[in-house]
Amino acid sequence: MDQHISILLLFIFITGSHSLKCYECTPDLSGSCEAEEKICSDGETKCLKMTTVFGSTKISTTKSCVMTCEENSINDPTGTTSTKCCDTDLCNGTGGLYKGSFILLLCPLFILTLFH
């Protein structure tokens, strides 16, 4: 029984202590970029996605890890810039859910069921 509790605690600590992962992408002069996964540094607790649109044309998108983030939308003569913030792994992608965190959180439940 003690071994089961130790394994359960191990999985809880593993799932709770992993660093946040965000996509990182800085647009070039044409506004395009290739997003890459980045493990955020200590203190960077949010993923940012900032998109600038002019009319119906997307001009650029910036993605990164940040310490603080405030969602907003700013309209000016060059277009509309919207900022989105999130705090789960790879949440600043093109859409959809990143299932890695969900699977990690289910591991302790699976182990507990397996050894019970």
Protein backbone atom coordinates (compact mmCIF):
# COMPACT_ATOMS: atom_id res chain seq x y z
CA MET A 1 0.00 0.00 0.00
CA ASP A 2 2.85 2.43 0.82
CA GLN A 3 4.34 1.85 -2.62
CA HIS A 4 1.03 2.78 -4.26
CA ILE A 5 0.89 6.06 -2.36
CA SER A 6 4.52 6.82 -3.28
CA ILE A 7 3.82 6.24 -6.97
CA LEU A 8 0.69 8.37 -6.82
CA LEU A 9 2.58 11.22 -5.14
CA LEU A 10 5.37 10.96 -7.70
CA PHE A 11 2.91 11.43 -10.57
CA ILE A 12 1.21 14.34 -8.81
CA PHE A 13 4.56 16.12 -8.41
CA ILE A 14 5.56 15.38 -12.01
CA THR A 15 2.31 16.73 -13.45
CA GLY A 16 2.26 19.80 -11.22
CA SER A 17 5.85 20.94 -11.66
CA HIS A 18 6.40 21.01 -15.41
CA SER A 19 7.21 24.33 -17.06
CA LEU A 20 4.76 26.11 -19.33
CA LYS A 21 5.25 25.61 -23.07
CA CYS A 22 4.18 28.25 -25.58
CA TYR A 23 4.60 28.74 -29.29
CA GLU A 24 7.13 31.44 -30.11
CA CYS A 25 7.05 33.32 -33.36
CA THR A 26 8.28 36.79 -34.34
CA PRO A 27 7.12 37.87 -37.80
CA ASP A 28 9.62 38.88 -40.48
CA LEU A 29 9.15 41.94 -42.71
CA SER A 30 6.50 40.14 -44.76
CA GLY A 31 4.49 39.39 -41.59
CA SER A 32 5.01 35.64 -41.71
CA CYS A 33 6.86 33.45 -39.26
CA GLU A 34 7.39 29.82 -38.36
CA ALA A 35 6.09 29.07 -34.85
CA GLU A 36 8.29 26.87 -32.66
CA GLU A 37 7.63 25.34 -29.26
CA LYS A 38 9.46 27.03 -26.40
CA ILE A 39 9.70 26.09 -22.73
CA CYS A 40 9.05 29.31 -20.86
CA SER A 41 11.57 30.73 -18.38
CA ASP A 42 10.87 31.03 -14.67
CA GLY A 43 8.37 33.80 -14.07
CA GLU A 44 6.83 33.56 -17.53
CA THR A 45 3.38 32.25 -16.65
CA LYS A 46 1.34 33.22 -19.72
CA CYS A 47 1.34 32.57 -23.44
CA LEU A 48 0.68 35.57 -25.69
CA LYS A 49 -0.78 35.72 -29.18
CA MET A 50 -0.91 39.19 -30.75
CA THR A 51 -2.51 39.51 -34.18
CA THR A 52 -2.69 42.61 -36.39
CA VAL A 53 -5.42 42.72 -39.05
CA PHE A 54 -6.03 45.40 -41.68
CA GLY A 55 -9.51 45.10 -43.17
CA SER A 56 -9.96 41.38 -43.67
CA THR A 57 -6.24 40.67 -44.20
CA LYS A 58 -4.05 39.37 -41.40
CA ILE A 59 -0.84 41.38 -41.43
CA SER A 60 1.16 39.65 -38.68
CA THR A 61 1.00 37.39 -35.65
CA THR A 62 3.43 37.35 -32.74
CA LYS A 63 3.52 34.49 -30.23
CA SER A 64 5.61 34.23 -27.08
CA CYS A 65 5.95 33.46 -23.36
CA VAL A 66 5.34 36.48 -21.13
CA MET A 67 5.31 37.31 -17.41
CA THR A 68 2.10 39.31 -17.55
CA CYS A 69 -0.54 39.70 -20.20
CA GLU A 70 -3.66 41.79 -20.66
CA GLU A 71 -6.19 40.86 -23.31
CA ASN A 72 -7.30 43.77 -25.45
CA SER A 73 -8.10 44.97 -28.94
CA ILE A 74 -6.76 48.27 -30.27
CA ASN A 75 -8.07 49.94 -33.43
CA ASP A 76 -5.88 52.48 -35.20
CA PRO A 77 -5.34 53.65 -38.80
CA THR A 78 -2.90 50.77 -39.53
CA GLY A 79 -5.41 48.10 -38.47
CA THR A 80 -6.71 46.25 -35.44
CA THR A 81 -4.28 44.63 -33.02
CA SER A 82 -5.76 42.05 -30.67
CA THR A 83 -3.93 40.42 -27.79
CA LYS A 84 -4.97 37.04 -26.39
CA CYS A 85 -3.54 35.49 -23.22
CA CYS A 86 -3.68 31.93 -21.91
CA ASP A 87 -1.88 29.76 -19.38
CA THR A 88 -1.88 26.16 -20.60
CA ASP A 89 0.71 24.37 -22.73
CA LEU A 90 0.76 25.47 -26.37
CA CYS A 91 -2.51 27.38 -25.99
CA ASN A 92 -1.35 30.23 -28.24
CA GLY A 93 -1.43 28.06 -31.35
CA THR A 94 -3.86 28.16 -34.24
CA GLY A 95 -6.72 26.71 -32.24
CA GLY A 96 -7.88 23.52 -30.64
CA LEU A 97 -6.83 22.09 -27.32
CA TYR A 98 -3.41 20.85 -26.41
CA LYS A 99 -4.10 17.45 -24.97
CA GLY A 100 -0.71 16.86 -23.34
CA SER A 101 -1.62 18.61 -20.09
CA PHE A 102 -4.94 16.80 -19.90
CA ILE A 103 -3.24 13.43 -20.31
CA LEU A 104 -0.65 14.29 -17.64
CA LEU A 105 -3.39 15.21 -15.20
CA LEU A 106 -5.14 11.88 -15.81
CA CYS A 107 -2.01 9.82 -15.05
CA PRO A 108 -2.47 9.83 -11.25
CA LEU A 109 -6.06 8.71 -11.62
CA PHE A 110 -5.01 5.93 -13.97
CA ILE A 111 -2.24 4.76 -11.62
CA LEU A 112 -4.57 4.84 -8.62
CA THR A 113 -7.13 2.74 -10.53
CA LEU A 114 -4.44 0.35 -11.71
CA PHE A 115 -3.08 -0.36 -8.24
CA HIS A 116 -6.36 -0.35 -6.37
